[in-house]
Protein backbone atom coordinates (compact mmCIF):
# COMPACT_ATOMS: atom_id res chain seq x y z
CA MET A 1 0.49 -0.25 -0.16
CA GLU A 2 0.99 3.71 -0.50
CA LYS A 3 2.46 5.15 2.36
CA LEU A 4 1.20 7.37 5.14
CA PHE A 5 3.37 8.59 6.67
CA TYR A 6 6.99 11.01 5.22
CA ASN A 7 10.16 10.92 7.75
CA VAL A 8 8.41 8.27 10.82
CA ARG A 9 10.68 4.97 11.64
CA LEU A 10 9.99 1.90 13.35
CA GLY A 11 11.45 1.08 16.47
CA VAL A 12 10.95 -1.50 19.20
CA HIS A 13 11.27 -1.52 22.85
CA PRO A 14 13.04 -4.21 24.72
CA ILE A 15 10.25 -4.71 27.31
CA CYS A 16 8.56 -6.80 24.50
CA TRP A 17 11.44 -9.74 25.78
CA VAL A 18 12.82 -8.21 28.89
CA ASN A 19 10.69 -6.07 31.54
CA ASP A 20 12.96 -3.33 33.59
CA ASP A 21 10.87 -3.16 36.65
CA MET A 22 9.98 -6.31 37.43
CA HIS A 23 13.02 -8.68 37.08
CA ASP A 24 11.74 -12.08 37.04
CA LEU A 25 9.94 -11.35 34.01
CA GLY A 26 12.27 -12.20 30.56
CA ASP A 27 15.18 -11.83 32.52
CA PHE A 28 16.38 -14.96 31.25
CA ILE A 29 16.60 -12.92 27.61
CA SER A 30 20.27 -11.50 26.62
CA PHE A 31 21.06 -8.39 25.31
CA GLU A 32 22.03 -10.03 22.11
CA GLN A 33 19.10 -12.03 22.09
CA ILE A 34 16.99 -8.97 21.79
CA ILE A 35 19.21 -7.14 19.66
CA ASP A 36 19.27 -9.87 16.92
CA GLU A 37 15.22 -10.05 17.03
CA ALA A 38 14.82 -6.60 16.42
CA ASN A 39 17.15 -6.72 13.78
CA ILE A 40 15.35 -10.19 12.40
CA SER A 41 11.89 -8.79 12.61
CA ASN A 42 12.55 -5.25 10.74
CA TYR A 43 12.75 -2.42 13.11
CA GLU A 44 15.29 0.09 12.45
CA GLY A 45 15.83 1.53 15.45
CA ILE A 46 15.23 -0.01 19.82
CA GLU A 47 15.00 2.19 22.75
CA LEU A 48 17.11 1.57 26.26
CA GLY A 49 16.80 -1.55 28.20
CA ARG A 50 18.24 -2.41 31.54
CA LYS A 51 19.97 -5.58 29.70
CA PHE A 52 22.08 -2.58 27.91
CA PRO A 53 25.60 -1.87 27.80
CA ARG A 54 26.32 1.75 29.23
CA ASP A 55 29.45 1.88 27.45
CA PRO A 56 28.61 4.38 23.98
CA LEU A 57 31.64 2.68 22.05
CA ILE A 58 29.95 -1.11 22.48
CA LEU A 59 26.84 -0.02 22.15
CA LYS A 60 27.63 1.87 19.46
CA ASN A 61 28.85 -1.29 17.78
CA SER A 62 26.28 -3.96 19.53
CA LEU A 63 23.49 -2.11 17.61
CA LYS A 64 25.93 -0.96 14.26
CA GLU A 65 26.44 -4.66 13.49
CA ARG A 66 22.33 -5.46 13.54
CA ASN A 67 21.67 -2.50 11.59
CA LEU A 68 20.13 -0.20 14.44
CA VAL A 69 19.97 2.87 15.89
CA LEU A 70 19.72 3.82 19.84
CA THR A 71 15.83 5.71 19.31
CA SER A 72 15.87 7.04 23.16
CA GLY A 73 15.83 5.71 26.64
CA TRP A 74 13.42 6.40 29.76
CA CYS A 75 14.99 8.22 33.29
CA ASP A 76 12.74 8.54 36.15
CA ILE A 77 12.61 11.99 37.46
CA LEU A 78 11.18 13.07 41.39
CA THR A 79 11.18 16.95 40.88
CA ILE A 80 8.30 17.06 43.50
CA ASP A 81 10.10 16.42 46.66
CA LYS A 82 12.37 19.29 47.10
CA ASP A 83 15.14 17.07 49.20
CA LYS A 84 15.72 13.97 46.74
CA TRP A 85 15.23 16.50 43.08
CA PRO A 86 19.22 17.90 43.16
CA ASP A 87 20.17 13.67 43.01
CA TYR A 88 17.70 12.71 40.46
CA PHE A 89 18.28 16.28 38.56
CA GLU A 90 21.84 15.06 38.17
CA ALA A 91 21.21 11.61 37.09
CA TYR A 92 19.08 12.77 34.15
CA LYS A 93 21.90 15.33 33.19
CA LYS A 94 24.55 12.13 33.06
CA HIS A 95 21.25 10.48 31.05
CA THR A 96 20.48 12.67 29.07
CA LEU A 97 24.61 13.15 28.16
CA PHE A 98 24.33 9.20 27.05
CA LEU A 99 21.95 9.67 25.07
CA LYS A 100 23.44 12.29 22.74
CA GLU A 101 26.85 10.28 22.89
CA MET A 102 24.36 7.65 21.25
CA GLY A 103 22.80 10.07 18.75
CA CYS A 104 19.95 10.30 20.29
CA LYS A 105 17.44 12.99 19.88
CA HIS A 106 14.88 12.59 22.54
CA VAL A 107 15.31 11.82 26.33
CA ILE A 108 12.04 10.27 28.28
CA VAL A 109 10.93 11.23 30.88
CA CYS A 110 8.65 10.47 33.65
CA GLU A 111 7.49 11.76 37.34
CA VAL A 112 7.61 8.63 39.63
CA GLY A 113 6.53 10.71 43.09
CA ASN A 114 3.07 9.87 44.28
CA SER A 115 3.16 6.76 41.91
CA SER A 116 1.46 3.66 42.76
CA CYS A 117 4.87 1.47 41.33
CA TRP A 118 7.63 3.43 41.67
CA ASP A 119 7.40 6.16 44.58
CA PRO A 120 10.71 5.58 46.11
CA ARG A 121 9.68 7.03 49.29
CA GLN A 122 6.67 4.64 49.82
CA ASN A 123 5.00 1.72 48.90
CA ARG A 124 1.82 2.98 47.15
CA ARG A 125 0.83 -0.46 45.21
CA LYS A 126 -2.64 -1.21 47.16
CA LEU A 127 -2.96 3.07 47.82
CA GLY A 128 -3.11 4.18 43.61
CA PRO A 129 -1.02 7.22 42.78
CA LYS A 130 -1.61 9.78 44.69
CA LYS A 131 -3.00 13.26 42.82
CA LEU A 132 -0.95 16.59 43.18
CA THR A 133 -1.18 19.24 45.09
CA GLU A 134 -0.94 22.62 43.79
CA GLY A 135 2.23 22.94 44.76
CA GLU A 136 3.58 20.03 43.41
CA TRP A 137 2.48 21.24 40.13
CA ASN A 138 4.34 24.03 39.98
CA LEU A 139 7.30 21.98 41.31
CA LEU A 140 6.80 19.44 38.45
CA ALA A 141 6.54 22.46 35.58
CA ASN A 142 9.60 24.25 37.64
CA GLY A 143 11.62 20.81 37.07
CA LEU A 144 10.08 19.92 33.88
CA ASN A 145 11.16 23.23 32.23
CA GLN A 146 14.35 22.65 34.16
CA CYS A 147 14.94 19.42 32.10
CA GLY A 148 13.82 20.80 28.79
CA ALA A 149 15.79 23.75 28.71
CA PHE A 150 19.24 21.21 29.90
CA ALA A 151 18.09 18.70 27.11
CA ARG A 152 17.76 22.15 24.22
CA GLU A 153 21.27 23.43 25.12
CA ASN A 154 22.58 19.69 24.46
CA SER A 155 20.55 20.39 20.75
CA MET A 156 17.72 17.09 22.02
CA GLU A 157 14.10 16.99 23.22
CA LEU A 158 12.46 16.56 26.79
CA VAL A 159 9.17 13.92 26.14
CA TYR A 160 7.09 13.27 29.18
CA HIS A 161 5.49 9.53 29.13
CA VAL A 162 2.15 9.69 29.96
CA HIS A 163 2.37 6.88 32.16
CA THR A 164 -1.06 5.33 33.66
CA GLY A 165 -0.47 5.04 37.86
CA THR A 166 1.30 8.09 37.83
CA VAL A 167 0.08 11.59 38.68
CA ILE A 168 -0.23 12.01 35.07
CA GLU A 169 -2.02 9.81 32.97
CA THR A 170 -5.62 11.20 32.17
CA TYR A 171 -6.58 13.86 29.25
CA GLU A 172 -7.11 16.88 31.64
CA GLU A 173 -4.19 15.80 33.96
CA THR A 174 -1.65 16.27 30.76
CA GLU A 175 -3.62 19.35 29.28
CA LYS A 176 -2.55 21.38 32.98
CA LEU A 177 0.97 19.91 32.49
CA LEU A 178 1.51 21.57 29.18
CA SER A 179 -0.29 24.55 30.65
CA LEU A 180 1.68 25.38 33.07
CA THR A 181 4.93 24.16 31.19
CA ASP A 182 6.94 26.16 28.51
CA ALA A 183 5.87 24.93 24.80
CA ASP A 184 9.31 25.17 23.41
CA LYS A 185 11.04 22.91 26.35
CA VAL A 186 8.89 20.61 27.38
CA PHE A 187 7.21 18.03 24.69
CA LEU A 188 5.24 14.36 25.09
CA LEU A 189 5.47 10.88 24.72
CA ALA A 190 2.35 9.63 23.42
CA ASP A 191 1.80 5.57 24.62
CA THR A 192 -1.64 4.54 22.49
CA GLY A 193 -1.98 1.99 25.67
CA HIS A 194 -1.89 3.73 28.10
CA GLN A 195 -4.04 6.23 27.20
CA PHE A 196 -6.49 3.25 26.05
CA TYR A 197 -5.89 1.79 29.85
CA CYS A 198 -7.08 5.21 31.14
CA GLY A 199 -10.32 5.66 29.29
CA VAL A 200 -8.63 8.44 26.98
CA ASP A 201 -10.53 9.17 23.82
CA LEU A 202 -7.38 8.21 21.37
CA VAL A 203 -8.68 10.53 18.55
CA LYS A 204 -9.43 13.45 20.56
CA PHE A 205 -6.62 13.20 22.69
CA TYR A 206 -3.63 12.56 19.66
CA THR A 207 -5.81 15.41 18.14
CA ASP A 208 -5.95 18.26 20.56
CA PHE A 209 -1.74 17.82 22.06
CA PHE A 210 -0.86 16.76 18.75
CA GLU A 211 1.41 20.34 18.67
CA ARG A 212 3.11 18.57 21.90
CA ILE A 213 3.85 15.32 20.54
CA ARG A 214 7.26 14.47 19.38
CA TYR A 215 7.60 10.62 20.38
CA ILE A 216 5.01 7.28 20.08
CA HIS A 217 4.74 4.20 22.11
CA LEU A 218 2.97 2.17 20.04
CA LYS A 219 1.08 -1.06 22.18
CA ASP A 220 -2.31 -2.17 22.33
CA VAL A 221 -4.74 -3.36 25.27
CA ARG A 222 -6.32 -6.51 25.83
CA GLN A 223 -10.31 -5.10 26.37
CA ASP A 224 -11.05 -8.60 28.26
CA ILE A 225 -7.87 -7.97 30.55
CA LEU A 226 -8.44 -4.97 30.89
CA LYS A 227 -12.55 -5.09 32.12
CA VAL A 228 -10.70 -7.70 34.89
CA VAL A 229 -7.96 -5.41 35.75
CA LYS A 230 -10.90 -1.93 36.63
CA GLN A 231 -13.30 -5.08 38.56
CA PHE A 232 -10.50 -5.88 40.72
CA GLY A 233 -8.57 -2.71 40.70
CA LEU A 234 -5.03 -3.79 40.18
CA ASP A 235 -2.19 -1.78 39.85
CA PHE A 236 0.18 -1.22 36.91
CA ASN A 237 2.49 -4.19 37.35
CA SER A 238 -0.14 -6.51 38.22
CA SER A 239 -1.64 -5.38 35.11
CA VAL A 240 1.17 -6.61 33.08
CA ARG A 241 0.99 -10.05 35.18
CA VAL A 242 -2.54 -11.09 33.76
CA GLY A 243 -1.39 -9.38 30.59
CA ILE A 244 -3.05 -6.92 29.48
CA PHE A 245 -0.28 -5.84 26.98
CA THR A 246 0.31 -6.92 23.35
CA VAL A 247 1.57 -5.43 19.99
CA PRO A 248 -0.34 -3.32 17.80
CA GLY A 249 -3.36 -5.38 16.49
CA ASP A 250 -3.89 -8.33 17.98
CA GLY A 251 -5.76 -6.54 21.27
CA SER A 252 -9.35 -3.68 20.79
CA ILE A 253 -7.70 -0.33 19.81
CA ASP A 254 -8.62 0.92 16.93
CA PHE A 255 -4.97 2.22 15.06
CA PRO A 256 -5.91 3.01 11.34
CA SER A 257 -7.72 6.13 13.65
CA ILE A 258 -4.63 6.75 15.15
CA PHE A 259 -2.63 6.75 12.33
CA ASN A 260 -4.66 8.47 10.45
CA VAL A 261 -4.78 11.64 12.99
CA PHE A 262 -1.01 11.27 13.34
CA ALA A 263 -0.42 10.98 8.77
CA ALA A 264 -3.26 13.96 8.30
CA LYS A 265 -0.88 16.23 11.22
CA GLY A 266 2.38 15.22 9.60
CA TYR A 267 4.14 13.72 12.12
CA GLN A 268 7.52 12.95 11.84
CA GLY A 269 10.33 10.89 14.39
CA TRP A 270 10.06 7.60 16.08
CA MET A 271 6.91 5.20 16.60
CA VAL A 272 8.05 1.91 18.67
CA VAL A 273 6.11 -1.03 19.02
CA GLU A 274 5.87 -1.42 23.20
CA ALA A 275 4.04 -4.25 24.59
CA GLU A 276 5.05 -5.29 27.94
CA GLN A 277 4.21 -9.26 28.25
CA ASN A 278 5.74 -12.01 29.74
CA ALA A 279 8.44 -13.85 27.76
CA LEU A 280 7.79 -17.51 28.91
CA TYR A 281 4.15 -17.50 27.17
CA ALA A 282 4.12 -14.72 24.89
CA ASN A 283 7.41 -15.53 22.87
CA PRO A 284 9.00 -12.15 21.86
CA LEU A 285 10.52 -12.82 18.64
CA ASN A 286 6.83 -14.16 17.71
CA TYR A 287 5.21 -10.81 19.08
CA VAL A 288 7.33 -8.07 17.28
CA THR A 289 7.02 -9.05 13.95
CA LYS A 290 3.29 -9.63 14.32
CA GLY A 291 2.74 -6.18 15.06
CA ARG A 292 5.91 -5.38 12.71
CA ALA A 293 3.45 -6.69 9.79
CA TYR A 294 0.41 -5.17 10.79
CA ILE A 295 1.72 -2.13 10.79
CA LYS A 296 3.42 -2.19 7.68
CA ASP A 297 0.02 -3.15 6.42
CA LYS A 298 -2.10 -0.07 7.27
CA THR A 299 0.73 2.26 6.80
CA GLY A 300 3.09 0.61 4.90
CA LEU A 301 5.86 1.25 7.08
């Protein structure tokens, strides 16, 4: 079919093989297997994962041998804790410079404070995310502007990951975040799976916020499992364990409508296939190949 997009590149996330947060999921899979299979399944790039070496020369050579490049990488931030923020900001700067050395143009961040899974100060798994006070909103906005300025100084862009189980997961929270941050410093990572999970109207979300979207994660959601997750109030990590996510075309999301929005708006950049699954039951190569074929069928990429 005729290609929908101009200057869009397709990448894959290593979390399709090895989970970054729950180390028992896929831990038996090596870095070499991940990048070999990413190459075999015809992706151009791959995001950073916990099995990846952090020596830029070693990583560049390993990816180059498989005709891959690094697309970007996630970084926790904790802006809403004044005592902890300086250390987190230093770690963010180090991470950004590593990505720059790898040739990446984007750095991915997410506020982990008050989240259901990652707040280092307390276990909120059974409590759920704690939403922001007005003071915390200001701390988050100021911290993101600070991070965005550092990224821009290094010819990169900061993209904020709107994520289930965190302080920014809904349409309204995303809208407020964008209103409080500088439009030339803070951009968005759009993740189809997280927006669907949170009941967001995907077409409206991507249409309304398109001007700030610079990076895309493509993952699908199994509606029957989502229903169970909502019914029993499972936290994000538990929902992953019961198989809520899969690759595009294998779940319930209307991807052609989403692709049409991005094509009509002229999106350029990375689209990254991501599906947190258990490799013991969902063979990673089979699934990333399935997702790659679906996207080619629907977009020509």
